[in-house]
Amino acid sequence: MIKEKLVKDYVLLEKQLSWLTISYNECQMIGIKKSYNIDEFGKFETLCGRYSRGIDFLIRKIFRTLDAYEFENQGTLIDTVNHAYKRGLFESLDELRIMKDIRNTIAHEYIEDELADVFDEVLEYTQKLITIMNNTMSYIKKIQE
């Protein structure tokens, strides 16, 4: 049963990665500016949403599924992140904490101007999130062989 869940989660992660990459590429072309037109702001807002969902999905779903698949103790979210770090899925616990903090900032910004203030961080850390997602997908493929 857990093997089927891992396979299903892998497919969902692949879709998340695809949509995140599309938004990231669009926003890379726009770049960081002092002000954005409606279309540009909308693309960045979409990237922020996909970034937030991506980081949540990775940590709360994929990392937890990996723990279950590899018979890790189902502890706290911090335990889950530490297990993922030990698997080599990302390079720095501090960096992942920053990524999660950016997600929290996005979730709590209701004023457009303040959301625009995080666009540069979102662009920077989306690239890192894409790398972590790719690392995770490679890891999943490897453990299923």
N, C-alpha and C. Protein backbone atom coordinates (compact mmCIF):
# COMPACT_ATOMS: atom_id res chain seq x y z
N MET A 1 0.82 -1.20 0.00
CA MET A 1 0.00 0.00 0.00
C MET A 1 0.86 1.26 0.00
N ILE A 2 1.93 1.29 0.81
CA ILE A 2 2.77 2.48 0.86
C ILE A 2 3.56 2.66 -0.44
N LYS A 3 3.87 1.54 -1.11
CA LYS A 3 4.56 1.64 -2.40
C LYS A 3 3.68 2.34 -3.42
N GLU A 4 2.38 2.00 -3.44
CA GLU A 4 1.44 2.64 -4.37
C GLU A 4 1.30 4.14 -4.05
N LYS A 5 1.31 4.47 -2.76
CA LYS A 5 1.22 5.88 -2.35
C LYS A 5 2.45 6.64 -2.82
N LEU A 6 3.62 6.02 -2.71
CA LEU A 6 4.85 6.67 -3.16
C LEU A 6 4.81 6.91 -4.67
N VAL A 7 4.31 5.94 -5.41
CA VAL A 7 4.19 6.08 -6.87
C VAL A 7 3.22 7.22 -7.21
N LYS A 8 2.10 7.24 -6.54
CA LYS A 8 1.09 8.29 -6.76
C LYS A 8 1.64 9.67 -6.40
N ASP A 9 2.33 9.76 -5.26
CA ASP A 9 2.92 11.03 -4.83
C ASP A 9 4.00 11.50 -5.79
N TYR A 10 4.74 10.55 -6.35
CA TYR A 10 5.77 10.89 -7.33
C TYR A 10 5.14 11.59 -8.54
N VAL A 11 4.04 11.03 -9.03
CA VAL A 11 3.34 11.62 -10.19
C VAL A 11 2.86 13.03 -9.84
N LEU A 12 2.32 13.20 -8.64
CA LEU A 12 1.85 14.52 -8.22
C LEU A 12 3.02 15.50 -8.09
N LEU A 13 4.15 15.03 -7.58
CA LEU A 13 5.34 15.88 -7.47
C LEU A 13 5.82 16.31 -8.84
N GLU A 14 5.77 15.39 -9.78
CA GLU A 14 6.17 15.69 -11.16
C GLU A 14 5.30 16.81 -11.74
N LYS A 15 3.99 16.74 -11.48
CA LYS A 15 3.08 17.79 -11.96
C LYS A 15 3.37 19.12 -11.28
N GLN A 16 3.58 19.08 -9.95
CA GLN A 16 3.91 20.31 -9.21
C GLN A 16 5.16 20.95 -9.81
N LEU A 17 6.16 20.13 -10.04
CA LEU A 17 7.42 20.62 -10.59
C LEU A 17 7.22 21.24 -11.97
N SER A 18 6.41 20.62 -12.78
CA SER A 18 6.15 21.13 -14.12
C SER A 18 5.53 22.53 -14.08
N TRP A 19 4.48 22.68 -13.28
CA TRP A 19 3.81 23.99 -13.18
C TRP A 19 4.71 25.04 -12.54
N LEU A 20 5.46 24.64 -11.54
CA LEU A 20 6.38 25.57 -10.88
C LEU A 20 7.45 26.06 -11.86
N THR A 21 7.96 25.15 -12.67
CA THR A 21 8.99 25.50 -13.64
C THR A 21 8.46 26.46 -14.69
N ILE A 22 7.24 26.24 -15.15
CA ILE A 22 6.62 27.14 -16.13
C ILE A 22 6.54 28.56 -15.55
N SER A 23 6.02 28.68 -14.32
CA SER A 23 5.90 30.00 -13.69
C SER A 23 7.27 30.63 -13.45
N TYR A 24 8.21 29.82 -13.01
CA TYR A 24 9.56 30.32 -12.75
C TYR A 24 10.17 30.90 -14.02
N ASN A 25 10.07 30.18 -15.12
CA ASN A 25 10.64 30.65 -16.38
C ASN A 25 10.00 31.95 -16.84
N GLU A 26 8.67 32.06 -16.69
CA GLU A 26 7.98 33.30 -17.07
C GLU A 26 8.48 34.47 -16.23
N CYS A 27 8.62 34.26 -14.95
CA CYS A 27 9.03 35.35 -14.06
C CYS A 27 10.51 35.68 -14.22
N GLN A 28 11.32 34.70 -14.56
CA GLN A 28 12.73 34.97 -14.85
C GLN A 28 12.83 35.95 -16.01
N MET A 29 11.98 35.77 -17.01
CA MET A 29 12.00 36.66 -18.18
C MET A 29 11.53 38.07 -17.82
N ILE A 30 10.61 38.18 -16.88
CA ILE A 30 10.13 39.50 -16.43
C ILE A 30 11.21 40.19 -15.63
N GLY A 31 11.81 39.46 -14.70
CA GLY A 31 12.85 40.01 -13.85
C GLY A 31 12.28 40.84 -12.71
N ILE A 32 13.16 41.28 -11.84
CA ILE A 32 12.77 42.09 -10.69
C ILE A 32 12.74 43.55 -11.11
N LYS A 33 11.64 44.24 -10.78
CA LYS A 33 11.42 45.64 -11.16
C LYS A 33 10.92 46.42 -9.97
N LYS A 34 10.90 47.74 -10.14
CA LYS A 34 10.31 48.59 -9.09
C LYS A 34 8.80 48.52 -9.13
N SER A 35 8.23 48.33 -10.33
CA SER A 35 6.78 48.18 -10.44
C SER A 35 6.48 47.22 -11.58
N TYR A 36 5.30 46.60 -11.49
CA TYR A 36 4.89 45.57 -12.45
C TYR A 36 3.54 45.95 -13.05
N ASN A 37 3.36 45.63 -14.34
CA ASN A 37 2.03 45.81 -14.90
C ASN A 37 1.15 44.67 -14.39
N ILE A 38 -0.11 44.72 -14.70
CA ILE A 38 -1.07 43.74 -14.16
C ILE A 38 -0.70 42.32 -14.56
N ASP A 39 -0.33 42.13 -15.81
CA ASP A 39 0.03 40.79 -16.29
C ASP A 39 1.27 40.26 -15.57
N GLU A 40 2.28 41.11 -15.44
CA GLU A 40 3.52 40.70 -14.77
C GLU A 40 3.26 40.37 -13.30
N PHE A 41 2.50 41.23 -12.64
CA PHE A 41 2.20 40.99 -11.23
C PHE A 41 1.43 39.67 -11.08
N GLY A 42 0.50 39.42 -11.98
CA GLY A 42 -0.27 38.19 -11.95
C GLY A 42 0.61 36.96 -12.09
N LYS A 43 1.61 37.04 -12.97
CA LYS A 43 2.52 35.91 -13.15
C LYS A 43 3.36 35.68 -11.89
N PHE A 44 3.80 36.75 -11.26
CA PHE A 44 4.56 36.60 -10.02
C PHE A 44 3.68 36.07 -8.89
N GLU A 45 2.44 36.53 -8.85
CA GLU A 45 1.52 36.06 -7.83
C GLU A 45 1.26 34.55 -8.02
N THR A 46 1.15 34.12 -9.26
CA THR A 46 0.99 32.70 -9.56
C THR A 46 2.22 31.92 -9.12
N LEU A 47 3.40 32.46 -9.40
CA LEU A 47 4.64 31.81 -8.96
C LEU A 47 4.67 31.69 -7.44
N CYS A 48 4.28 32.74 -6.74
CA CYS A 48 4.27 32.70 -5.27
C CYS A 48 3.34 31.59 -4.76
N GLY A 49 2.17 31.47 -5.36
CA GLY A 49 1.24 30.42 -4.97
C GLY A 49 1.79 29.03 -5.24
N ARG A 50 2.40 28.87 -6.40
CA ARG A 50 2.96 27.56 -6.75
C ARG A 50 4.17 27.23 -5.88
N TYR A 51 4.95 28.23 -5.57
CA TYR A 51 6.09 28.04 -4.67
C TYR A 51 5.59 27.57 -3.30
N SER A 52 4.59 28.26 -2.77
CA SER A 52 4.04 27.92 -1.45
C SER A 52 3.46 26.51 -1.43
N ARG A 53 2.66 26.19 -2.43
CA ARG A 53 2.08 24.85 -2.49
C ARG A 53 3.18 23.80 -2.68
N GLY A 54 4.18 24.14 -3.48
CA GLY A 54 5.28 23.21 -3.74
C GLY A 54 6.07 22.87 -2.49
N ILE A 55 6.42 23.88 -1.70
CA ILE A 55 7.19 23.63 -0.49
C ILE A 55 6.36 22.85 0.52
N ASP A 56 5.07 23.18 0.63
CA ASP A 56 4.19 22.44 1.54
C ASP A 56 4.05 20.98 1.10
N PHE A 57 3.81 20.79 -0.18
CA PHE A 57 3.62 19.44 -0.71
C PHE A 57 4.87 18.60 -0.49
N LEU A 58 6.01 19.19 -0.75
CA LEU A 58 7.27 18.47 -0.60
C LEU A 58 7.50 18.04 0.85
N ILE A 59 7.35 18.97 1.77
CA ILE A 59 7.65 18.68 3.17
C ILE A 59 6.55 17.84 3.82
N ARG A 60 5.31 18.27 3.67
CA ARG A 60 4.22 17.63 4.40
C ARG A 60 3.75 16.32 3.78
N LYS A 61 3.94 16.16 2.48
CA LYS A 61 3.44 14.95 1.82
C LYS A 61 4.58 14.03 1.39
N ILE A 62 5.44 14.52 0.53
CA ILE A 62 6.48 13.68 -0.06
C ILE A 62 7.47 13.20 1.00
N PHE A 63 8.01 14.13 1.80
CA PHE A 63 8.98 13.72 2.81
C PHE A 63 8.37 12.75 3.82
N ARG A 64 7.12 12.96 4.17
CA ARG A 64 6.44 12.05 5.11
C ARG A 64 6.20 10.67 4.46
N THR A 65 5.85 10.67 3.18
CA THR A 65 5.67 9.40 2.48
C THR A 65 6.99 8.64 2.41
N LEU A 66 8.08 9.35 2.16
CA LEU A 66 9.40 8.70 2.15
C LEU A 66 9.71 8.09 3.51
N ASP A 67 9.39 8.80 4.58
CA ASP A 67 9.60 8.26 5.92
C ASP A 67 8.83 6.96 6.11
N ALA A 68 7.58 6.96 5.69
CA ALA A 68 6.75 5.75 5.84
C ALA A 68 7.31 4.61 4.98
N TYR A 69 7.71 4.93 3.77
CA TYR A 69 8.23 3.93 2.84
C TYR A 69 9.51 3.28 3.39
N GLU A 70 10.33 4.10 4.04
CA GLU A 70 11.61 3.60 4.56
C GLU A 70 11.54 3.27 6.05
N PHE A 71 10.33 3.14 6.55
CA PHE A 71 10.08 2.72 7.94
C PHE A 71 10.73 3.63 8.98
N GLU A 72 10.78 4.93 8.67
CA GLU A 72 11.27 5.91 9.65
C GLU A 72 10.17 6.16 10.67
N ASN A 73 10.57 6.50 11.87
CA ASN A 73 9.61 6.84 12.92
C ASN A 73 8.83 8.08 12.49
N GLN A 74 7.50 8.00 12.54
CA GLN A 74 6.66 9.14 12.15
C GLN A 74 6.62 10.15 13.29
N GLY A 75 7.61 11.01 13.33
CA GLY A 75 7.71 12.01 14.39
C GLY A 75 7.13 13.34 13.96
N THR A 76 7.76 14.39 14.43
CA THR A 76 7.32 15.75 14.12
C THR A 76 7.73 16.13 12.70
N LEU A 77 7.26 17.27 12.26
CA LEU A 77 7.66 17.79 10.95
C LEU A 77 9.16 18.05 10.92
N ILE A 78 9.71 18.48 12.04
CA ILE A 78 11.16 18.71 12.14
C ILE A 78 11.91 17.40 11.93
N ASP A 79 11.41 16.31 12.52
CA ASP A 79 12.02 15.00 12.31
C ASP A 79 11.99 14.62 10.84
N THR A 80 10.87 14.85 10.21
CA THR A 80 10.70 14.53 8.79
C THR A 80 11.71 15.30 7.94
N VAL A 81 11.87 16.58 8.23
CA VAL A 81 12.83 17.42 7.49
C VAL A 81 14.25 16.91 7.75
N ASN A 82 14.56 16.56 8.98
CA ASN A 82 15.90 16.04 9.30
C ASN A 82 16.18 14.73 8.56
N HIS A 83 15.18 13.87 8.45
CA HIS A 83 15.35 12.63 7.70
C HIS A 83 15.64 12.93 6.23
N ALA A 84 14.91 13.88 5.66
CA ALA A 84 15.12 14.25 4.26
C ALA A 84 16.53 14.82 4.06
N TYR A 85 16.99 15.59 5.03
CA TYR A 85 18.35 16.15 4.97
C TYR A 85 19.38 15.01 4.98
N LYS A 86 19.17 14.04 5.86
CA LYS A 86 20.09 12.90 5.95
C LYS A 86 20.08 12.06 4.67
N ARG A 87 18.98 12.09 3.93
CA ARG A 87 18.90 11.39 2.65
C ARG A 87 19.65 12.15 1.55
N GLY A 88 20.07 13.39 1.85
CA GLY A 88 20.79 14.19 0.87
C GLY A 88 19.89 14.88 -0.14
N LEU A 89 18.62 15.10 0.22
CA LEU A 89 17.69 15.72 -0.73
C LEU A 89 17.90 17.22 -0.87
N PHE A 90 18.53 17.83 0.12
CA PHE A 90 18.89 19.25 0.07
C PHE A 90 20.14 19.46 0.88
N GLU A 91 20.80 20.61 0.64
CA GLU A 91 22.13 20.84 1.20
C GLU A 91 22.15 21.47 2.58
N SER A 92 21.12 22.25 2.92
CA SER A 92 21.20 23.04 4.14
C SER A 92 19.85 23.10 4.86
N LEU A 93 19.87 22.73 6.13
CA LEU A 93 18.65 22.86 6.94
C LEU A 93 18.26 24.32 7.09
N ASP A 94 19.24 25.19 7.26
CA ASP A 94 18.96 26.63 7.40
C ASP A 94 18.30 27.18 6.14
N GLU A 95 18.78 26.75 5.00
CA GLU A 95 18.20 27.22 3.74
C GLU A 95 16.75 26.75 3.60
N LEU A 96 16.48 25.51 3.98
CA LEU A 96 15.11 25.01 3.91
C LEU A 96 14.22 25.79 4.88
N ARG A 97 14.75 26.14 6.02
CA ARG A 97 13.99 26.97 6.98
C ARG A 97 13.65 28.33 6.36
N ILE A 98 14.61 28.92 5.67
CA ILE A 98 14.37 30.20 4.98
C ILE A 98 13.27 30.02 3.94
N MET A 99 13.33 28.94 3.19
CA MET A 99 12.33 28.67 2.16
C MET A 99 10.94 28.56 2.77
N LYS A 100 10.85 27.90 3.91
CA LYS A 100 9.57 27.77 4.61
C LYS A 100 9.11 29.13 5.14
N ASP A 101 10.04 29.95 5.62
CA ASP A 101 9.70 31.29 6.10
C ASP A 101 9.15 32.17 4.97
N ILE A 102 9.75 32.04 3.79
CA ILE A 102 9.25 32.79 2.62
C ILE A 102 7.83 32.35 2.30
N ARG A 103 7.57 31.05 2.38
CA ARG A 103 6.22 30.54 2.17
C ARG A 103 5.24 31.15 3.17
N ASN A 104 5.66 31.25 4.42
CA ASN A 104 4.80 31.85 5.45
C ASN A 104 4.55 33.33 5.17
N THR A 105 5.57 34.03 4.72
CA THR A 105 5.41 35.45 4.37
C THR A 105 4.40 35.60 3.25
N ILE A 106 4.51 34.77 2.23
CA ILE A 106 3.57 34.82 1.10
C ILE A 106 2.15 34.59 1.60
N ALA A 107 1.98 33.61 2.46
CA ALA A 107 0.65 33.25 2.95
C ALA A 107 0.01 34.36 3.76
N HIS A 108 0.83 35.23 4.35
CA HIS A 108 0.29 36.27 5.23
C HIS A 108 0.35 37.68 4.64
N GLU A 109 0.76 37.81 3.39
CA GLU A 109 0.79 39.13 2.76
C GLU A 109 -0.51 39.35 1.99
N TYR A 110 -1.26 40.33 2.41
CA TYR A 110 -2.54 40.61 1.78
C TYR A 110 -2.50 41.90 0.97
N ILE A 111 -1.43 42.65 1.09
CA ILE A 111 -1.30 43.93 0.39
C ILE A 111 -0.32 43.74 -0.76
N GLU A 112 -0.73 44.14 -1.96
CA GLU A 112 0.06 43.91 -3.17
C GLU A 112 1.50 44.39 -3.05
N ASP A 113 1.70 45.61 -2.55
CA ASP A 113 3.05 46.16 -2.49
C ASP A 113 3.96 45.31 -1.61
N GLU A 114 3.42 44.78 -0.54
CA GLU A 114 4.23 43.97 0.35
C GLU A 114 4.52 42.60 -0.26
N LEU A 115 3.60 42.06 -1.02
CA LEU A 115 3.85 40.80 -1.71
C LEU A 115 4.97 40.98 -2.74
N ALA A 116 4.96 42.11 -3.44
CA ALA A 116 5.99 42.39 -4.44
C ALA A 116 7.38 42.43 -3.82
N ASP A 117 7.44 42.75 -2.53
CA ASP A 117 8.73 42.81 -1.83
C ASP A 117 9.41 41.45 -1.73
N VAL A 118 8.65 40.37 -1.85
CA VAL A 118 9.25 39.03 -1.75
C VAL A 118 9.54 38.39 -3.11
N PHE A 119 9.20 39.07 -4.20
CA PHE A 119 9.40 38.49 -5.52
C PHE A 119 10.85 38.08 -5.77
N ASP A 120 11.81 38.91 -5.34
CA ASP A 120 13.21 38.56 -5.57
C ASP A 120 13.61 37.30 -4.81
N GLU A 121 13.15 37.17 -3.57
CA GLU A 121 13.44 35.97 -2.79
C GLU A 121 12.75 34.75 -3.39
N VAL A 122 11.52 34.94 -3.84
CA VAL A 122 10.78 33.82 -4.44
C VAL A 122 11.51 33.33 -5.70
N LEU A 123 11.99 34.25 -6.51
CA LEU A 123 12.74 33.83 -7.70
C LEU A 123 14.00 33.05 -7.30
N GLU A 124 14.73 33.57 -6.34
CA GLU A 124 15.96 32.91 -5.91
C GLU A 124 15.68 31.52 -5.35
N TYR A 125 14.72 31.43 -4.46
CA TYR A 125 14.48 30.16 -3.78
C TYR A 125 13.62 29.19 -4.58
N THR A 126 12.93 29.67 -5.61
CA THR A 126 12.22 28.73 -6.49
C THR A 126 13.22 27.86 -7.21
N GLN A 127 14.32 28.43 -7.63
CA GLN A 127 15.36 27.63 -8.29
C GLN A 127 15.87 26.55 -7.35
N LYS A 128 16.04 26.88 -6.09
CA LYS A 128 16.49 25.90 -5.09
C LYS A 128 15.40 24.83 -4.86
N LEU A 129 14.14 25.27 -4.83
CA LEU A 129 13.04 24.32 -4.66
C LEU A 129 12.97 23.35 -5.83
N ILE A 130 13.17 23.85 -7.03
CA ILE A 130 13.18 23.00 -8.22
C ILE A 130 14.29 21.95 -8.10
N THR A 131 15.45 22.37 -7.63
CA THR A 131 16.57 21.44 -7.44
C THR A 131 16.21 20.37 -6.41
N ILE A 132 15.62 20.78 -5.29
CA ILE A 132 15.23 19.82 -4.25
C ILE A 132 14.18 18.84 -4.79
N MET A 133 13.22 19.35 -5.55
CA MET A 133 12.21 18.47 -6.14
C MET A 133 12.85 17.45 -7.08
N ASN A 134 13.78 17.91 -7.91
CA ASN A 134 14.47 17.00 -8.82
C ASN A 134 15.29 15.96 -8.04
N ASN A 135 15.99 16.41 -6.99
CA ASN A 135 16.75 15.48 -6.15
C ASN A 135 15.82 14.43 -5.54
N THR A 136 14.67 14.87 -5.09
CA THR A 136 13.71 13.97 -4.45
C THR A 136 13.17 12.95 -5.46
N MET A 137 12.87 13.41 -6.66
CA MET A 137 12.37 12.50 -7.68
C MET A 137 13.45 11.47 -8.05
N SER A 138 14.69 11.89 -8.13
CA SER A 138 15.79 10.95 -8.40
C SER A 138 15.92 9.94 -7.27
N TYR A 139 15.79 10.42 -6.06
CA TYR A 139 15.89 9.54 -4.89
C TYR A 139 14.77 8.50 -4.90
N ILE A 140 13.56 8.94 -5.20
CA ILE A 140 12.42 8.02 -5.25
C ILE A 140 12.65 6.95 -6.32
N LYS A 141 13.12 7.36 -7.49
CA LYS A 141 13.41 6.39 -8.56
C LYS A 141 14.44 5.37 -8.09
N LYS A 142 15.47 5.87 -7.42
CA LYS A 142 16.57 5.00 -6.96
C LYS A 142 16.09 3.96 -5.95
N ILE A 143 15.26 4.36 -4.99
CA ILE A 143 14.83 3.42 -3.95
C ILE A 143 13.79 2.43 -4.45
N GLN A 144 13.20 2.71 -5.60
CA GLN A 144 12.20 1.80 -6.15
C GLN A 144 12.81 0.76 -7.08
N GLU A 145 14.08 0.88 -7.38
CA GLU A 145 14.74 -0.06 -8.31
C GLU A 145 14.92 -1.41 -7.67
